[in-house]
Structures are given as C-alpha cells and as structure tokens.
Amino acid sequence: MPESPSPVPHRKVIRQWLTPYSRRSTRKAIVLAGIDLTLFVGAIVATIVAPHLGLKLLAGVAAGFIIGRLFIIGHDACHQSLTDSRRLNRIIGRIVFLPSLTPYSLWDTGHNLVHHGYTNLRSHDFVWRPLSVEEYQSLPPVARWLERVYRSGWAPWLYYLLEVWWRRMFFPNREEMPTRRPVFRSDCLLVSAFATAWIAVLAFAAQSTGQGLLITLLAGFVLPFVVWNGLIGFVVYVHHTHPKIDWYDDKQAWGSSQPFVTTTVHLKFKRVLGFDWGVALHHIMEHTAHHVDMRIPLYHLKAAQKTLEEKLPGSIVVQTFSWRWYRDVARRCKLYDFRQQRWLDFTGQPT
C-alpha cells in the first residue's frame, strides 16, 4: 500500500524544523570553490595537452561536468546561503558563474524572484513550463517541432541553451526582461569578456603547440559548454517534471497546494562502483529541502532532506533514477491540462 500523505503544516513550521541546517561556513565555501575552480582549469588544460583526440574530448566532457559543480556553488551564493557575507557571496558567485557564462544578476532575478517565488505557476515560472493543448496547437509548425524536440528526452541541452541562456540570460531583449538595470548589462559584459579570454587562450595554445584550432576550440570550449547546458537542462527538467508533479494556472489553487513541498522531486541515484552522484552534484538533487528553505547551504541539504521526509511521509515525491523511468517521463509529460491537472501527450490524450 502506498504511504498516505501526511498533512503539510505552514511553511514557517517546516522552516523551523530545518533551522539547524542553515548555518554557513565561509571556510568550507572557499575550499569548495577553490577545489572546483582548480579542477576546471585542470580539465581545460587537459583538453590541450592530452595526446589523443579521445582523451581531449573526455577532458572536455569532464570540464562541462565541473562547470555544473561550480554553478551549484554559485547558485548557493546567489541565494546568500554560501557564506555569512552578502558581499563575499556576490564576489564568489560571479567568479564561479563565469565558466557557465551565466550573468549573476540576471540569474538572481529569474531564479530567486521568479522560479522560487512562483514555482510551477504557469503565469510566472517559465523554465520547463508545459504548454496546454491550445497553446501547442496555436504555435507555428517550426515551434511545434521544436517543442517536440525539447520534450523528447534527449534535448535538455538544447532547451536550456536556447530558451533559458540565449533568450533570458545573455543580453535579453525588453520582451524577455522588461526591467533594465545597469548591473544586468555589466554582468553580461563580464561573461562576454571571460568567454573571449577563454577562446583566446585556447587559440594561443593551439598555435603554440601546433594543434588544429577547430579541434582545440571544440574540446576546450564548445563541448564543455554544451555538456554544461545538458546537465543543467536535465537537472531542472527532472526537478519539476513528473507524473505526480502538478502545474497550476490559478494562483489561489497554487497557493493552497503548499507548492514549496509539492512541486519538486527528490531524485535519488543508485551508487555505481561506490560512486555517489549526490556528492558529485553537490546535493542539488535534495531539492525539496532547498525549496522549503533557500538558506540551507549545499553541504547540509542531505540531512535537511532526510528530516523533511521523516516528518512529512508520503507528501514529498521521491524518485529513484533509472533510464527506463526517464524515458517514461519523457513519453508521458508532453502537454498539460491545467483544469484537470494531468499530463497529456501531443495529441491531447491523458497519459
């Protein structure tokens, strides 16, 4: 018998349960950032000095994964949960966001204010927001085809690259970001300068070592950036896409649904040869605890999530990852019926 959901108390009560986990350590934050920045530089160097193409590409994939780890540290800094100093959080956040070419202030606005403020509310939360049948059918043919590609299961990288980073993060236009703040432009210029310097270093290294420029840029810049986009696209997709996860178009119904608990998934990974993906991903998959209380730093999320699941049995969606499950989610979660609150396929049939 499935466990019956326990009543979900007010968010203030739940946050009191998690207060012990909100303590921050500046030393730990600096060490984590230092380790991952060193790993990133090492992986990029490996794409240059590795003797064989296969090793260069493998190093590029590793660099993309490390960019994801750096981004998670920056994500904490953006939530002011990394250190006790707001100024230091902003400095560290901007630095560790550079390899992912993420403008700090624009991410802060889109993620902290929009996503966390209105998680899975159709009118506000835009990341992986499912379309209704009517919205989908009103799209031009190319846009319908692109939506099918995005929801196919193999293209989280393309979705994040085009729909989030290109449209809303990198010099967004007034339609995507009506608010115009000088810091938005400054942060976009900062990541542009970093990207230019990154490419220039790779080009210089290729010329100095007599290697092909295209291969060097592919392994040392393009591949890491695409892998990073695939990682973040996948993570955000599985956090808020699941047959048991609801989306809303009515703000009152959304507010009464305890969305900070009910609209996100705790995705668990099985260990492979002792490898712990939770640690490798800085515990970003312990996502319910993060949505309940953004003050919790990444190194306390595992314990906080365990506390939540013990106190709220049956109320939190906990899912063990498998490729079979992932394919099933991609097959079932195409469009959404916001009135009946159920997932549909592209023909409008409930799945």
Foldseek 3Di string as FASTA:
>chain_A
DADDWDDDDDLVVLVVLCVVQLDEDQVVLVVQLVVLVVLLVVLLVQLLPPPDLVSLQVSLLVNLLSLLLLQLSLVLLLLVQHHVDVVVSVVSNLVSNLLLLFQSVLCSCLPVVFCLVQPQAQVTNDQPNFAALVVLVPDPPVVNVVLLVCLQLPVLLVCCVPVPCVQRTQPHDCVNPVDDDPSSVVSNVVSVVSLVVQLVVQQVSCVVVVHDSVSSCVSNPVSSNSSNSNVVSVLVCQFAFDQQAFHANDPVVSVVLPCLARRTEQEAEDDDVNDHVCVSSLNVSLPSLCSSPVSRRSVSSVVSSVSVCVVTPPRHHYHYDDVVRSSVSSQQARHADNVVRAHHHNVRHGD
